[in-house]
Amino acid sequence: MTHHMNLWDDSFGAIKEGSKTIEMRLFDEKISALELNDTIEFTNIKTDEKLKCKVTGLYKYHDFHELYKNHDKRSIGYKDNEDADPKDMLMYYSQDLINKYGVIGIGLLVVEAD
């Protein structure tokens, strides 16, 4: 099955170059439909560029603190010189939504880029 998702430009670039191998999302109704080996077609919200990735892992957690503890910072999109802080995710998701749905790390492998 193919799923469609939007991505910020920096995350899109990091996945495309292969440094970010895990996309972090709320485990909401849409995401709960993902299965291993599904395809996600990401759209860069800045450039409309497309990127197809195979789902290679699904890592469900209670919150981003737990997710960050279980994955190295490069795999979730941080550079070596950056501090990985789960509170950064509050830019994208409210604490109420995190508490309601939980979170997931989606393991990715790029299969096709524009």
N, C-alpha and C. Protein backbone atom coordinates (compact mmCIF):
# COMPACT_ATOMS: atom_id res chain seq x y z
N MET A 1 0.85 -1.18 0.00
CA MET A 1 0.00 0.00 0.00
C MET A 1 0.89 1.24 0.00
N THR A 2 0.45 2.27 -0.69
CA THR A 2 1.19 3.53 -0.73
C THR A 2 0.46 4.59 0.09
N HIS A 3 1.20 5.27 0.95
CA HIS A 3 0.68 6.34 1.80
C HIS A 3 1.33 7.65 1.35
N HIS A 4 0.65 8.75 1.57
CA HIS A 4 1.16 10.06 1.17
C HIS A 4 1.30 10.94 2.40
N MET A 5 2.48 11.57 2.53
CA MET A 5 2.74 12.44 3.68
C MET A 5 3.56 13.64 3.23
N ASN A 6 3.37 14.74 3.93
CA ASN A 6 4.16 15.94 3.68
C ASN A 6 5.34 15.99 4.65
N LEU A 7 6.42 16.63 4.21
CA LEU A 7 7.61 16.78 5.05
C LEU A 7 8.18 18.17 4.92
N TRP A 8 8.73 18.68 6.02
CA TRP A 8 9.47 19.93 5.99
C TRP A 8 10.72 19.73 5.13
N ASP A 9 11.22 20.79 4.55
CA ASP A 9 12.35 20.74 3.64
C ASP A 9 13.60 20.11 4.26
N ASP A 10 13.92 20.46 5.52
CA ASP A 10 15.14 19.92 6.13
C ASP A 10 15.03 18.41 6.37
N SER A 11 13.88 17.95 6.83
CA SER A 11 13.69 16.50 7.02
C SER A 11 13.71 15.77 5.68
N PHE A 12 13.09 16.36 4.68
CA PHE A 12 13.06 15.76 3.35
C PHE A 12 14.49 15.56 2.83
N GLY A 13 15.31 16.61 2.95
CA GLY A 13 16.69 16.53 2.48
C GLY A 13 17.50 15.48 3.23
N ALA A 14 17.30 15.40 4.54
CA ALA A 14 18.05 14.44 5.35
C ALA A 14 17.66 13.00 5.02
N ILE A 15 16.39 12.77 4.73
CA ILE A 15 15.96 11.42 4.33
C ILE A 15 16.51 11.11 2.94
N LYS A 16 16.42 12.07 2.04
CA LYS A 16 16.89 11.86 0.67
C LYS A 16 18.38 11.52 0.63
N GLU A 17 19.17 12.20 1.46
CA GLU A 17 20.62 11.94 1.46
C GLU A 17 20.98 10.69 2.26
N GLY A 18 20.03 10.14 3.01
CA GLY A 18 20.24 8.89 3.72
C GLY A 18 20.71 9.01 5.15
N SER A 19 20.86 10.24 5.66
CA SER A 19 21.30 10.38 7.06
C SER A 19 20.15 10.18 8.04
N LYS A 20 18.95 10.61 7.67
CA LYS A 20 17.77 10.40 8.52
C LYS A 20 17.06 9.15 8.02
N THR A 21 17.00 8.13 8.87
CA THR A 21 16.39 6.87 8.46
C THR A 21 15.11 6.56 9.25
N ILE A 22 14.75 7.47 10.16
CA ILE A 22 13.54 7.28 10.96
C ILE A 22 12.74 8.59 10.97
N GLU A 23 11.52 8.51 10.50
CA GLU A 23 10.59 9.64 10.54
C GLU A 23 9.74 9.50 11.79
N MET A 24 9.59 10.59 12.53
CA MET A 24 8.84 10.57 13.79
C MET A 24 7.47 11.21 13.59
N ARG A 25 6.45 10.52 14.03
CA ARG A 25 5.07 11.00 13.90
C ARG A 25 4.25 10.62 15.11
N LEU A 26 3.07 11.24 15.24
CA LEU A 26 2.09 10.76 16.19
C LEU A 26 1.56 9.42 15.70
N PHE A 27 1.20 8.54 16.60
CA PHE A 27 0.61 7.26 16.22
C PHE A 27 -0.91 7.43 16.14
N ASP A 28 -1.34 8.28 15.21
CA ASP A 28 -2.77 8.57 15.06
C ASP A 28 -3.42 7.57 14.09
N GLU A 29 -4.68 7.81 13.77
CA GLU A 29 -5.43 6.88 12.93
C GLU A 29 -4.75 6.66 11.58
N LYS A 30 -4.29 7.73 10.96
CA LYS A 30 -3.66 7.62 9.64
C LYS A 30 -2.38 6.78 9.71
N ILE A 31 -1.55 7.06 10.69
CA ILE A 31 -0.26 6.36 10.81
C ILE A 31 -0.44 4.92 11.25
N SER A 32 -1.47 4.64 12.02
CA SER A 32 -1.68 3.27 12.51
C SER A 32 -1.99 2.31 11.37
N ALA A 33 -2.30 2.82 10.19
CA ALA A 33 -2.57 1.97 9.03
C ALA A 33 -1.28 1.49 8.35
N LEU A 34 -0.13 2.07 8.72
CA LEU A 34 1.14 1.66 8.12
C LEU A 34 1.50 0.23 8.48
N GLU A 35 2.09 -0.46 7.51
CA GLU A 35 2.60 -1.80 7.74
C GLU A 35 4.00 -1.90 7.15
N LEU A 36 4.78 -2.85 7.66
CA LEU A 36 6.11 -3.09 7.10
C LEU A 36 6.00 -3.34 5.60
N ASN A 37 6.97 -2.82 4.87
CA ASN A 37 7.07 -2.95 3.41
C ASN A 37 6.10 -2.08 2.64
N ASP A 38 5.24 -1.31 3.31
CA ASP A 38 4.43 -0.31 2.61
C ASP A 38 5.36 0.74 2.02
N THR A 39 4.81 1.55 1.12
CA THR A 39 5.54 2.67 0.53
C THR A 39 4.94 3.97 1.05
N ILE A 40 5.81 4.92 1.38
CA ILE A 40 5.36 6.27 1.72
C ILE A 40 5.91 7.19 0.65
N GLU A 41 5.03 7.96 0.04
CA GLU A 41 5.47 9.00 -0.89
C GLU A 41 5.43 10.32 -0.14
N PHE A 42 6.62 10.84 0.15
CA PHE A 42 6.74 12.12 0.83
C PHE A 42 6.75 13.25 -0.18
N THR A 43 6.11 14.36 0.18
CA THR A 43 6.16 15.57 -0.63
C THR A 43 6.83 16.66 0.20
N ASN A 44 7.87 17.25 -0.37
CA ASN A 44 8.54 18.38 0.26
C ASN A 44 7.60 19.57 0.21
N ILE A 45 7.21 20.10 1.38
CA ILE A 45 6.21 21.18 1.40
C ILE A 45 6.75 22.49 0.85
N LYS A 46 8.06 22.61 0.72
CA LYS A 46 8.66 23.83 0.18
C LYS A 46 8.80 23.77 -1.34
N THR A 47 9.17 22.59 -1.86
CA THR A 47 9.50 22.47 -3.28
C THR A 47 8.56 21.58 -4.08
N ASP A 48 7.67 20.85 -3.42
CA ASP A 48 6.79 19.86 -4.04
C ASP A 48 7.53 18.65 -4.61
N GLU A 49 8.82 18.53 -4.34
CA GLU A 49 9.59 17.36 -4.77
C GLU A 49 9.02 16.12 -4.08
N LYS A 50 9.08 14.99 -4.76
CA LYS A 50 8.56 13.72 -4.22
C LYS A 50 9.71 12.77 -3.90
N LEU A 51 9.45 11.90 -2.93
CA LEU A 51 10.43 10.92 -2.49
C LEU A 51 9.66 9.69 -2.03
N LYS A 52 9.97 8.53 -2.63
CA LYS A 52 9.30 7.30 -2.23
C LYS A 52 10.23 6.49 -1.34
N CYS A 53 9.68 6.03 -0.21
CA CYS A 53 10.44 5.25 0.76
C CYS A 53 9.68 3.99 1.13
N LYS A 54 10.44 2.94 1.37
CA LYS A 54 9.87 1.69 1.87
C LYS A 54 9.90 1.73 3.39
N VAL A 55 8.83 1.28 4.03
CA VAL A 55 8.76 1.19 5.49
C VAL A 55 9.52 -0.06 5.92
N THR A 56 10.62 0.15 6.67
CA THR A 56 11.47 -0.96 7.08
C THR A 56 11.35 -1.28 8.57
N GLY A 57 10.67 -0.40 9.31
CA GLY A 57 10.51 -0.62 10.74
C GLY A 57 9.41 0.26 11.29
N LEU A 58 8.74 -0.21 12.32
CA LEU A 58 7.70 0.55 13.01
C LEU A 58 7.98 0.44 14.51
N TYR A 59 8.35 1.56 15.12
CA TYR A 59 8.80 1.58 16.51
C TYR A 59 7.86 2.47 17.32
N LYS A 60 6.91 1.84 18.02
CA LYS A 60 5.88 2.58 18.75
C LYS A 60 6.35 2.86 20.18
N TYR A 61 6.11 4.11 20.63
CA TYR A 61 6.51 4.54 21.97
C TYR A 61 5.40 5.37 22.60
N HIS A 62 5.50 5.49 23.91
CA HIS A 62 4.55 6.31 24.68
C HIS A 62 4.73 7.79 24.35
N ASP A 63 5.98 8.23 24.22
CA ASP A 63 6.25 9.64 23.95
C ASP A 63 7.60 9.79 23.25
N PHE A 64 7.95 11.02 22.90
CA PHE A 64 9.20 11.27 22.18
C PHE A 64 10.43 11.06 23.06
N HIS A 65 10.30 11.22 24.36
CA HIS A 65 11.44 10.95 25.25
C HIS A 65 11.89 9.50 25.09
N GLU A 66 10.93 8.60 25.07
CA GLU A 66 11.22 7.18 24.92
C GLU A 66 11.81 6.88 23.53
N LEU A 67 11.24 7.50 22.51
CA LEU A 67 11.74 7.30 21.15
C LEU A 67 13.20 7.77 21.05
N TYR A 68 13.48 8.95 21.58
CA TYR A 68 14.84 9.51 21.51
C TYR A 68 15.84 8.62 22.24
N LYS A 69 15.41 7.99 23.33
CA LYS A 69 16.31 7.11 24.09
C LYS A 69 16.69 5.86 23.31
N ASN A 70 15.84 5.45 22.38
CA ASN A 70 16.02 4.18 21.68
C ASN A 70 16.61 4.30 20.28
N HIS A 71 16.90 5.53 19.84
CA HIS A 71 17.45 5.72 18.49
C HIS A 71 18.53 6.79 18.53
N ASP A 72 19.59 6.57 17.74
CA ASP A 72 20.65 7.58 17.73
C ASP A 72 20.17 8.84 17.03
N LYS A 73 20.78 9.96 17.39
CA LYS A 73 20.28 11.25 16.94
C LYS A 73 20.36 11.46 15.43
N ARG A 74 21.37 10.89 14.78
CA ARG A 74 21.47 11.04 13.32
C ARG A 74 20.29 10.34 12.63
N SER A 75 19.92 9.18 13.13
CA SER A 75 18.84 8.42 12.48
C SER A 75 17.50 9.15 12.55
N ILE A 76 17.33 10.02 13.55
CA ILE A 76 16.06 10.76 13.67
C ILE A 76 16.16 12.20 13.15
N GLY A 77 17.29 12.53 12.52
CA GLY A 77 17.36 13.79 11.79
C GLY A 77 18.26 14.87 12.34
N TYR A 78 19.00 14.59 13.40
CA TYR A 78 19.91 15.59 13.96
C TYR A 78 21.30 15.44 13.36
N LYS A 79 22.00 16.56 13.28
CA LYS A 79 23.39 16.54 12.84
C LYS A 79 24.28 16.23 14.05
N ASP A 80 25.51 15.80 13.78
CA ASP A 80 26.44 15.43 14.85
C ASP A 80 26.66 16.56 15.85
N ASN A 81 26.65 17.80 15.38
CA ASN A 81 26.93 18.95 16.26
C ASN A 81 25.68 19.51 16.93
N GLU A 82 24.54 18.86 16.78
CA GLU A 82 23.29 19.32 17.38
C GLU A 82 22.92 18.46 18.58
N ASP A 83 22.27 19.09 19.54
CA ASP A 83 21.74 18.37 20.69
C ASP A 83 20.35 17.84 20.34
N ALA A 84 20.12 16.56 20.59
CA ALA A 84 18.82 15.96 20.34
C ALA A 84 17.96 16.11 21.59
N ASP A 85 16.86 16.85 21.45
CA ASP A 85 15.99 17.12 22.58
C ASP A 85 14.55 16.78 22.20
N PRO A 86 13.92 15.84 22.90
CA PRO A 86 12.54 15.47 22.59
C PRO A 86 11.57 16.65 22.63
N LYS A 87 11.89 17.67 23.39
CA LYS A 87 11.02 18.85 23.47
C LYS A 87 10.94 19.58 22.12
N ASP A 88 11.90 19.32 21.23
CA ASP A 88 11.85 19.92 19.89
C ASP A 88 10.57 19.53 19.16
N MET A 89 10.04 18.36 19.47
CA MET A 89 8.85 17.88 18.78
C MET A 89 7.59 18.65 19.16
N LEU A 90 7.67 19.44 20.23
CA LEU A 90 6.52 20.27 20.62
C LEU A 90 6.28 21.39 19.61
N MET A 91 7.23 21.63 18.70
CA MET A 91 7.01 22.57 17.59
C MET A 91 5.95 22.03 16.64
N TYR A 92 5.85 20.72 16.57
CA TYR A 92 4.97 20.07 15.60
C TYR A 92 3.70 19.49 16.21
N TYR A 93 3.81 18.99 17.45
CA TYR A 93 2.70 18.31 18.10
C TYR A 93 2.53 18.80 19.52
N SER A 94 1.27 19.03 19.94
CA SER A 94 1.02 19.46 21.31
C SER A 94 1.21 18.27 22.26
N GLN A 95 1.49 18.58 23.52
CA GLN A 95 1.64 17.52 24.52
C GLN A 95 0.34 16.72 24.67
N ASP A 96 -0.79 17.39 24.52
CA ASP A 96 -2.08 16.69 24.61
C ASP A 96 -2.22 15.63 23.52
N LEU A 97 -1.80 15.96 22.28
CA LEU A 97 -1.87 14.98 21.19
C LEU A 97 -0.88 13.84 21.40
N ILE A 98 0.31 14.16 21.90
CA ILE A 98 1.30 13.13 22.20
C ILE A 98 0.74 12.16 23.24
N ASN A 99 0.12 12.71 24.29
CA ASN A 99 -0.47 11.88 25.35
C ASN A 99 -1.62 11.02 24.82
N LYS A 100 -2.40 11.60 23.92
CA LYS A 100 -3.57 10.90 23.38
C LYS A 100 -3.19 9.73 22.48
N TYR A 101 -2.23 9.95 21.57
CA TYR A 101 -1.94 8.96 20.53
C TYR A 101 -0.68 8.13 20.78
N GLY A 102 0.27 8.67 21.50
CA GLY A 102 1.59 8.06 21.53
C GLY A 102 2.33 8.44 20.25
N VAL A 103 3.53 7.92 20.07
CA VAL A 103 4.34 8.30 18.92
C VAL A 103 4.92 7.05 18.26
N ILE A 104 5.43 7.26 17.07
CA ILE A 104 6.04 6.16 16.33
C ILE A 104 7.26 6.65 15.56
N GLY A 105 8.26 5.82 15.50
CA GLY A 105 9.38 6.03 14.61
C GLY A 105 9.19 5.10 13.43
N ILE A 106 9.23 5.66 12.23
CA ILE A 106 9.01 4.88 11.02
C ILE A 106 10.36 4.69 10.34
N GLY A 107 10.84 3.46 10.32
CA GLY A 107 12.10 3.16 9.63
C GLY A 107 11.88 3.27 8.13
N LEU A 108 12.85 3.93 7.44
CA LEU A 108 12.68 4.23 6.01
C LEU A 108 13.90 3.82 5.20
N LEU A 109 13.63 3.41 3.97
CA LEU A 109 14.65 3.18 2.97
C LEU A 109 14.20 3.86 1.69
N VAL A 110 15.00 4.80 1.18
CA VAL A 110 14.64 5.52 -0.04
C VAL A 110 14.67 4.54 -1.21
N VAL A 111 13.59 4.54 -2.00
CA VAL A 111 13.53 3.68 -3.16
C VAL A 111 13.44 4.46 -4.47
N GLU A 112 13.00 5.72 -4.39
CA GLU A 112 12.89 6.53 -5.61
C GLU A 112 12.83 8.00 -5.23
N ALA A 113 13.65 8.82 -5.89
CA ALA A 113 13.65 10.26 -5.66
C ALA A 113 13.44 10.97 -6.99
N ASP A 114 12.78 12.14 -6.93
CA ASP A 114 12.61 12.96 -8.14
C ASP A 114 13.94 13.40 -8.69
